[in-house]
Amino acid sequence: MKRIGFIVNPVAGMGGRVGLKGTDGVLEEALRRGARPVAQSRAKKALERLNGRKADLVVVTSSGEMGENVLEDLNFPTYFIVHHPKKKTSSLDTRRTCEIFLGEDIDMILFCGGDGTARDVYEVIGNKIPIIGIPAGVKMFSGVFSINPQSISKLITKFLDNQVQIREAEIMDIDEEMYRQNNFDIKLFGYAKTIYVPNLVQKRKFTFQSENEDESKRDISYFIRELMKDDTLYILGAGTTTKSIADLIGIKKTLLGVDLVKDEKLVARDVCERDILAHIEGEDAKIVVSPIGAQGFVFGRGNQQISAKVIKKVGAENIIIIATPYKLSQSPHLLVDTGDEELDRTLSGYKTIVCGYRMAQRKKVLGGIISSHI
């Protein structure tokens, strides 16, 4: 049997759909905007497929929403509570739990959260114990997260069978307040030990900046402008590639947010899920989105405002994916992690990616339960 430390950050990811790009320091505002917890459901989805292997684990965790509730709901046979946080938890509870883990002969730490949670775990654990994250935050640029929650069961099973590599991966994070102001300044905080199986663990985010990249983005923009129809609402995702479209038509776009455009005019800026749903009611709409860096995520990282509910309402056939040739060359395949497995399967398969002026590539998009032998 192996001993796993398990931590859930109850507020992770709550800022995503409401357009806050994180919850650091703005949890009350997220709640005011109608944000709902997502970490518990993501953690359950990660562990529910372990089935018969649950008996091979001893899980050490915190009480309530920080771990116990998930284990109880999934009928884990052997788990121990080592920390009892107050009802309103904080990063201090994550750190305190990790301090206790250091004395509990833990083989691996499984946490559910985003980059902020990864930092909290790393700053206590360092590289003493391998860590792996269930992706539940708004931003996940670090290299210690699984591709999606469903991949965790496979990772743990392979860990139990000694079929994983142990390697170092980057702990990355950004200042969320600066992020909300469209300033993207990502920092490296260190290297943590993590478990690794190809295609089950995400890459860290790279940023691509070069003269050729800028030219490719301009070419894409000219082509997308030609494709834009009158009386159609366009949902422009985050990033510099989509921003180049807005620059071309003379609109001041949110670099790291989602904006709505119709007839080459800005309809709404930096919108949340609720805003998008209200604006697309009764409208012909299309989504224009670019994958996140070398991670290759089309949906589920940094653009949670374009939620499963939004995608279903717009229709998968009305999604336009854009990416520069260089970015596509860095990603063997693209990924989706909407939180809705059925939708992820619908979005999977070979898709046409606009990569230049009247140019496109076919690229495989993966979602749902991803094989480690792709």
Protein backbone atom coordinates (compact mmCIF):
# COMPACT_ATOMS: atom_id res chain seq x y z
CA MET A 1 0.00 0.00 0.00
CA LYS A 2 1.08 3.55 -0.66
CA ARG A 3 0.35 6.64 1.39
CA ILE A 4 -0.99 9.67 -0.44
CA GLY A 5 -1.47 13.13 0.99
CA PHE A 6 -4.65 14.72 -0.39
CA ILE A 7 -5.54 18.43 -0.34
CA VAL A 8 -8.48 20.25 -1.91
CA ASN A 9 -8.48 24.04 -2.17
CA PRO A 10 -12.25 24.67 -1.79
CA VAL A 11 -12.22 28.05 -3.57
CA ALA A 12 -9.97 27.13 -6.50
CA GLY A 13 -11.37 28.03 -9.90
CA MET A 14 -14.28 30.11 -8.63
CA GLY A 15 -13.10 33.23 -10.44
CA GLY A 16 -12.99 31.64 -13.88
CA ARG A 17 -16.54 31.69 -15.19
CA VAL A 18 -17.24 35.07 -13.62
CA GLY A 19 -14.31 36.67 -15.44
CA LEU A 20 -12.03 37.39 -12.48
CA LYS A 21 -9.07 35.33 -13.80
CA GLY A 22 -8.53 33.83 -10.35
CA THR A 23 -9.70 34.16 -6.77
CA ASP A 24 -6.54 35.45 -5.07
CA GLY A 25 -7.72 38.35 -2.90
CA VAL A 26 -11.12 38.64 -4.60
CA LEU A 27 -13.12 35.71 -3.28
CA GLU A 28 -15.88 37.96 -1.94
CA GLU A 29 -16.22 39.64 -5.34
CA ALA A 30 -16.37 36.23 -7.03
CA LEU A 31 -19.18 35.19 -4.70
CA ARG A 32 -21.00 38.47 -5.33
CA ARG A 33 -20.89 37.73 -9.06
CA GLY A 34 -22.46 34.34 -8.49
CA ALA A 35 -19.35 32.13 -8.57
CA ARG A 36 -19.87 28.53 -7.54
CA PRO A 37 -17.30 26.08 -6.13
CA VAL A 38 -15.79 23.71 -8.68
CA ALA A 39 -12.94 22.03 -6.78
CA GLN A 40 -15.04 19.38 -5.02
CA SER A 41 -16.58 18.12 -8.25
CA ARG A 42 -13.20 18.16 -10.03
CA ALA A 43 -11.63 16.18 -7.18
CA LYS A 44 -14.45 13.61 -7.23
CA LYS A 45 -14.14 13.23 -10.98
CA ALA A 46 -10.41 12.62 -10.52
CA LEU A 47 -10.81 9.81 -7.99
CA GLU A 48 -14.10 8.13 -8.85
CA ARG A 49 -12.54 5.80 -11.44
CA LEU A 50 -10.03 4.23 -9.05
CA ASN A 51 -12.58 1.53 -8.23
CA GLY A 52 -10.75 -1.56 -6.89
CA ARG A 53 -7.47 0.30 -6.42
CA LYS A 54 -8.85 2.37 -3.55
CA ALA A 55 -7.97 -0.49 -1.21
CA ASP A 56 -4.30 -0.09 -2.21
CA LEU A 57 -4.16 3.44 -0.82
CA VAL A 58 -3.89 5.02 2.58
CA VAL A 59 -5.00 8.63 2.19
CA VAL A 60 -3.98 11.35 4.64
CA THR A 61 -6.02 14.55 4.42
CA SER A 62 -7.74 17.50 6.11
CA SER A 63 -11.31 17.56 7.35
CA GLY A 64 -14.36 18.87 5.53
CA GLU A 65 -14.04 20.55 2.15
CA MET A 66 -10.25 20.24 2.15
CA GLY A 67 -10.41 16.51 1.43
CA GLU A 68 -12.53 14.49 3.83
CA ASN A 69 -15.85 15.17 2.08
CA VAL A 70 -14.61 13.85 -1.26
CA LEU A 71 -13.17 10.68 0.28
CA GLU A 72 -16.33 10.05 2.28
CA ASP A 73 -18.58 10.55 -0.76
CA LEU A 74 -16.47 8.08 -2.77
CA ASN A 75 -16.36 5.51 0.06
CA PHE A 76 -12.58 5.38 0.40
CA PRO A 77 -11.86 2.54 2.84
CA THR A 78 -8.74 3.93 4.55
CA TYR A 79 -8.12 7.59 5.23
CA PHE A 80 -6.93 9.66 8.17
CA ILE A 81 -7.68 13.27 9.11
CA VAL A 82 -4.56 15.11 10.27
CA HIS A 83 -5.74 18.73 10.13
CA HIS A 84 -9.03 20.40 11.07
CA PRO A 85 -9.30 23.83 9.40
CA LYS A 86 -11.85 26.44 10.35
CA LYS A 87 -14.95 26.69 8.16
CA LYS A 88 -13.36 29.52 6.16
CA THR A 89 -10.13 28.02 4.88
CA SER A 90 -7.05 29.81 3.55
CA SER A 91 -3.65 29.09 2.04
CA LEU A 92 -2.33 28.74 5.58
CA ASP A 93 -4.40 25.56 5.92
CA THR A 94 -2.80 24.14 2.78
CA ARG A 95 0.65 24.93 4.15
CA ARG A 96 -0.14 23.56 7.60
CA THR A 97 -1.45 20.32 6.09
CA CYS A 98 1.73 19.98 4.02
CA GLU A 99 3.86 20.51 7.13
CA ILE A 100 2.04 17.60 8.74
CA PHE A 101 2.52 15.47 5.61
CA LEU A 102 6.29 15.78 6.04
CA GLY A 103 6.02 13.67 9.19
CA GLU A 104 3.52 11.14 7.82
CA ASP A 105 5.75 9.02 5.55
CA ILE A 106 3.83 10.19 2.47
CA ASP A 107 4.74 8.69 -0.93
CA MET A 108 2.98 11.32 -3.04
CA ILE A 109 0.87 14.46 -2.57
CA LEU A 110 -2.28 14.93 -4.65
CA PHE A 111 -3.73 18.44 -4.56
CA CYS A 112 -6.75 19.99 -6.24
CA GLY A 113 -6.38 23.63 -7.22
CA GLY A 114 -4.43 25.96 -9.49
CA ASP A 115 -1.00 27.55 -9.60
CA GLY A 116 -1.53 29.31 -6.27
CA THR A 117 -2.20 26.00 -4.55
CA ALA A 118 0.80 24.45 -6.31
CA ARG A 119 2.98 27.25 -4.92
CA ASP A 120 1.65 26.76 -1.40
CA VAL A 121 2.40 23.03 -1.55
CA TYR A 122 5.84 23.55 -3.10
CA GLU A 123 6.94 26.20 -0.62
CA VAL A 124 6.50 23.69 2.21
CA ILE A 125 7.38 20.42 0.49
CA GLY A 126 10.15 21.58 -1.85
CA ASN A 127 11.37 18.51 -3.70
CA LYS A 128 11.07 16.12 -0.75
CA ILE A 129 7.86 14.40 -1.96
CA PRO A 130 6.47 14.08 -5.52
CA ILE A 131 3.35 16.18 -6.10
CA ILE A 132 0.64 16.06 -8.77
CA GLY A 133 -2.27 18.45 -9.26
CA ILE A 134 -5.89 17.96 -10.23
CA PRO A 135 -6.50 20.99 -12.49
CA ALA A 136 -9.20 23.09 -10.83
CA GLY A 137 -7.86 26.64 -10.89
CA VAL A 138 -8.33 29.45 -13.37
CA LYS A 139 -4.64 29.52 -14.29
CA MET A 140 -2.48 26.42 -14.42
CA PHE A 141 0.84 27.25 -16.04
CA SER A 142 2.93 24.91 -13.85
CA GLY A 143 4.11 21.53 -15.07
CA VAL A 144 2.69 19.52 -12.16
CA PHE A 145 -0.94 19.19 -13.33
CA SER A 146 -2.67 16.31 -15.04
CA ILE A 147 -4.22 16.95 -18.46
CA ASN A 148 -7.68 16.76 -16.88
CA PRO A 149 -9.26 15.30 -13.71
CA GLN A 150 -10.05 12.00 -15.42
CA SER A 151 -6.33 11.38 -16.04
CA ILE A 152 -5.60 11.29 -12.30
CA SER A 153 -7.00 7.79 -11.79
CA LYS A 154 -4.68 6.48 -14.49
CA LEU A 155 -1.73 8.33 -12.99
CA ILE A 156 -2.40 6.95 -9.51
CA THR A 157 -2.88 3.42 -10.86
CA LYS A 158 0.45 3.62 -12.68
CA PHE A 159 2.04 5.10 -9.54
CA LEU A 160 0.80 2.14 -7.51
CA ASP A 161 2.24 -0.23 -10.12
CA ASN A 162 5.59 1.63 -10.21
CA GLN A 163 5.06 2.58 -13.86
CA VAL A 164 5.69 6.32 -13.59
CA GLN A 165 8.74 8.50 -14.02
CA ILE A 166 9.71 10.88 -11.24
CA ARG A 167 10.98 14.13 -12.70
CA GLU A 168 11.26 17.81 -11.87
CA ALA A 169 8.70 20.26 -13.22
CA GLU A 170 8.33 24.02 -13.04
CA ILE A 171 6.19 25.79 -10.46
CA MET A 172 4.93 28.87 -12.29
CA ASP A 173 2.59 31.63 -11.20
CA ILE A 174 1.55 35.16 -12.02
CA ASP A 175 0.34 38.14 -10.03
CA GLU A 176 -3.44 37.82 -10.40
CA GLU A 177 -4.09 41.52 -9.80
CA MET A 178 -1.71 42.40 -12.64
CA TYR A 179 -3.32 39.62 -14.71
CA ARG A 180 -6.74 41.25 -14.26
CA GLN A 181 -5.21 44.48 -15.59
CA ASN A 182 -4.01 42.70 -18.76
CA ASN A 183 -0.39 42.49 -17.64
CA PHE A 184 0.98 39.02 -18.20
CA ASP A 185 4.10 38.50 -16.11
CA ILE A 186 4.69 34.83 -15.39
CA LYS A 187 7.41 33.86 -12.91
CA LEU A 188 9.29 30.67 -12.14
CA PHE A 189 9.27 29.87 -8.42
CA GLY A 190 11.16 26.59 -8.45
CA TYR A 191 11.17 22.96 -9.49
CA ALA A 192 9.07 20.35 -7.73
CA LYS A 193 9.27 16.59 -8.01
CA THR A 194 6.27 15.20 -9.84
CA ILE A 195 5.07 11.94 -11.31
CA TYR A 196 5.05 11.80 -15.07
CA VAL A 197 3.39 9.66 -17.71
CA PRO A 198 3.41 10.94 -21.32
CA ASN A 199 0.11 12.52 -22.42
CA LEU A 200 -1.36 12.42 -18.91
CA VAL A 201 0.55 15.41 -17.49
CA GLN A 202 0.38 18.86 -19.07
CA LYS A 203 3.32 20.91 -20.25
CA ARG A 204 4.06 24.24 -18.68
CA LYS A 205 2.98 27.31 -20.62
CA PHE A 206 5.45 28.90 -23.00
CA THR A 207 4.97 32.34 -24.50
CA PHE A 208 5.87 32.80 -28.13
CA GLN A 209 7.16 36.20 -29.22
CA SER A 210 9.01 36.78 -32.47
CA GLU A 211 8.73 38.81 -35.64
CA ASN A 212 7.52 35.73 -37.55
CA GLU A 213 4.88 35.09 -34.90
CA ASP A 214 3.57 38.64 -35.23
CA GLU A 215 3.40 38.26 -39.00
CA SER A 216 1.51 34.97 -38.66
CA LYS A 217 -0.98 36.59 -36.29
CA ARG A 218 -1.57 39.43 -38.76
CA ASP A 219 -2.17 36.91 -41.56
CA ILE A 220 -4.67 35.02 -39.40
CA SER A 221 -6.41 38.28 -38.52
CA TYR A 222 -6.90 39.31 -42.15
CA PHE A 223 -8.42 35.94 -42.96
CA ILE A 224 -10.74 35.90 -39.92
CA ARG A 225 -11.91 39.40 -40.80
CA GLU A 226 -12.86 38.13 -44.27
CA LEU A 227 -14.81 35.29 -42.66
CA MET A 228 -16.74 37.51 -40.24
CA LYS A 229 -20.41 37.78 -41.14
CA ASP A 230 -22.75 40.70 -40.55
CA ASP A 231 -25.30 40.34 -37.74
CA THR A 232 -23.24 37.61 -36.07
CA LEU A 233 -21.92 37.88 -32.52
CA TYR A 234 -18.28 36.81 -32.17
CA ILE A 235 -16.95 35.61 -28.83
CA LEU A 236 -13.22 36.37 -28.88
CA GLY A 237 -11.16 34.32 -26.44
CA ALA A 238 -8.06 35.41 -24.56
CA GLY A 239 -4.55 35.81 -25.92
CA THR A 240 -2.40 37.73 -28.35
CA THR A 241 -3.61 35.83 -31.43
CA THR A 242 -7.25 36.79 -30.89
CA LYS A 243 -6.20 40.29 -29.85
CA SER A 244 -4.59 40.75 -33.27
CA ILE A 245 -8.07 40.38 -34.82
CA ALA A 246 -9.43 43.13 -32.57
CA ASP A 247 -6.42 45.33 -33.37
CA LEU A 248 -7.11 44.96 -37.09
CA ILE A 249 -10.74 46.05 -36.84
CA GLY A 250 -9.90 48.86 -34.42
CA ILE A 251 -11.27 47.44 -31.19
CA LYS A 252 -9.51 47.66 -27.83
CA LYS A 253 -9.61 44.06 -26.68
CA THR A 254 -8.96 42.60 -23.25
CA LEU A 255 -5.70 40.70 -23.73
CA LEU A 256 -6.40 38.12 -21.05
CA GLY A 257 -10.18 38.18 -21.04
CA VAL A 258 -13.10 37.36 -23.32
CA ASP A 259 -14.81 40.04 -25.42
CA LEU A 260 -17.90 40.18 -27.64
CA VAL A 261 -17.85 41.74 -31.12
CA LYS A 262 -20.61 42.26 -33.69
CA ASP A 263 -20.39 44.05 -37.04
CA GLU A 264 -16.80 45.02 -36.16
CA LYS A 265 -17.96 46.88 -33.06
CA LEU A 266 -17.29 46.04 -29.43
CA VAL A 267 -20.47 44.79 -27.76
CA ALA A 268 -19.06 43.89 -24.35
CA ARG A 269 -15.58 43.74 -22.85
CA ASP A 270 -14.04 41.30 -20.35
CA VAL A 271 -17.25 39.30 -20.00
CA CYS A 272 -18.11 36.44 -17.67
CA GLU A 273 -20.13 33.31 -18.44
CA ARG A 274 -23.40 34.95 -17.38
CA ASP A 275 -22.73 37.96 -19.65
CA ILE A 276 -22.01 35.72 -22.63
CA LEU A 277 -25.16 33.66 -22.11
CA ALA A 278 -27.26 36.82 -21.92
CA HIS A 279 -25.77 38.32 -25.09
CA ILE A 280 -26.00 35.20 -27.26
CA GLU A 281 -29.68 34.64 -26.51
CA GLY A 282 -31.48 34.83 -29.85
CA GLU A 283 -28.27 35.64 -31.73
CA ASP A 284 -26.22 33.84 -34.35
CA ALA A 285 -22.90 33.43 -32.56
CA LYS A 286 -19.44 32.04 -33.15
CA ILE A 287 -16.50 31.41 -30.84
CA VAL A 288 -12.98 32.38 -31.94
CA VAL A 289 -10.35 30.88 -29.68
CA SER A 290 -6.63 30.14 -29.67
CA PRO A 291 -4.88 27.35 -27.71
CA ILE A 292 -3.01 28.31 -24.56
CA GLY A 293 0.73 28.34 -25.27
CA ALA A 294 2.56 25.02 -25.53
CA GLN A 295 -0.02 23.42 -23.24
CA GLY A 296 -2.32 23.26 -26.24
CA PHE A 297 -5.62 23.76 -24.38
CA VAL A 298 -8.40 25.14 -26.57
CA PHE A 299 -10.88 25.23 -23.67
CA GLY A 300 -10.43 24.82 -19.92
CA ARG A 301 -7.36 26.95 -19.22
CA GLY A 302 -7.57 30.73 -18.93
CA ASN A 303 -10.91 31.00 -20.74
CA GLN A 304 -13.40 29.30 -18.40
CA GLN A 305 -15.86 32.10 -19.17
CA ILE A 306 -16.45 30.21 -22.42
CA SER A 307 -18.00 27.41 -20.42
CA ALA A 308 -19.59 24.13 -21.43
CA LYS A 309 -22.98 25.84 -21.22
CA VAL A 310 -21.82 28.59 -23.60
CA ILE A 311 -20.26 26.14 -26.06
CA LYS A 312 -23.40 23.99 -26.16
CA LYS A 313 -25.57 27.04 -26.80
CA VAL A 314 -23.32 28.35 -29.58
CA GLY A 315 -22.76 24.89 -31.07
CA ALA A 316 -19.52 23.01 -31.66
CA GLU A 317 -19.87 23.66 -35.39
CA ASN A 318 -19.56 27.41 -34.70
CA ILE A 319 -16.11 27.26 -33.10
CA ILE A 320 -13.17 28.73 -35.02
CA ILE A 321 -9.76 27.70 -33.67
CA ILE A 322 -6.79 29.85 -34.64
CA ALA A 323 -3.08 29.33 -33.97
CA THR A 324 0.22 30.28 -35.56
CA PRO A 325 2.18 27.55 -37.38
CA TYR A 326 4.93 27.70 -34.77
CA LYS A 327 2.51 27.23 -31.90
CA LEU A 328 0.95 24.26 -33.67
CA SER A 329 4.40 22.77 -34.24
CA GLN A 330 5.01 22.80 -30.48
CA SER A 331 1.84 20.84 -29.67
CA PRO A 332 1.52 17.23 -30.91
CA HIS A 333 -2.22 17.57 -30.33
CA LEU A 334 -4.67 20.05 -28.85
CA LEU A 335 -6.70 19.51 -25.70
CA VAL A 336 -10.10 20.37 -24.24
CA ASP A 337 -11.13 20.19 -20.58
CA THR A 338 -14.54 21.87 -20.31
CA GLY A 339 -15.62 19.93 -17.22
CA ASP A 340 -18.31 18.20 -19.30
CA GLU A 341 -17.03 14.81 -20.51
CA GLU A 342 -19.72 14.36 -23.15
CA LEU A 343 -18.93 17.77 -24.62
CA ASP A 344 -15.19 17.04 -24.49
CA ARG A 345 -15.83 13.94 -26.60
CA THR A 346 -17.92 15.99 -29.04
CA LEU A 347 -15.08 18.50 -29.39
CA SER A 348 -12.49 15.75 -29.92
CA GLY A 349 -11.21 14.50 -33.26
CA TYR A 350 -9.37 16.08 -36.17
CA LYS A 351 -10.23 19.77 -36.47
CA THR A 352 -9.34 22.50 -38.94
CA ILE A 353 -7.11 25.14 -37.37
CA VAL A 354 -6.71 28.49 -39.12
CA CYS A 355 -2.96 29.18 -39.14
CA GLY A 356 -2.50 31.93 -41.74
CA TYR A 357 -4.17 33.87 -44.53
CA ARG A 358 -6.45 31.32 -46.20
CA MET A 359 -4.30 28.62 -44.65
CA ALA A 360 -5.27 25.86 -42.24
CA GLN A 361 -3.93 22.66 -40.69
CA ARG A 362 -5.74 19.57 -39.49
CA LYS A 363 -4.91 18.85 -35.87
CA LYS A 364 -6.15 16.21 -33.48
CA VAL A 365 -8.08 17.50 -30.46
CA LEU A 366 -8.25 15.26 -27.40
CA GLY A 367 -10.69 15.34 -24.51
CA GLY A 368 -12.27 13.08 -21.92
CA ILE A 369 -10.26 10.05 -20.82
CA ILE A 370 -6.94 10.34 -22.62
CA SER A 371 -4.81 7.30 -23.32
CA SER A 372 -1.18 7.37 -22.25
CA HIS A 373 -0.27 5.59 -25.50
CA ILE A 374 -1.49 8.10 -28.07
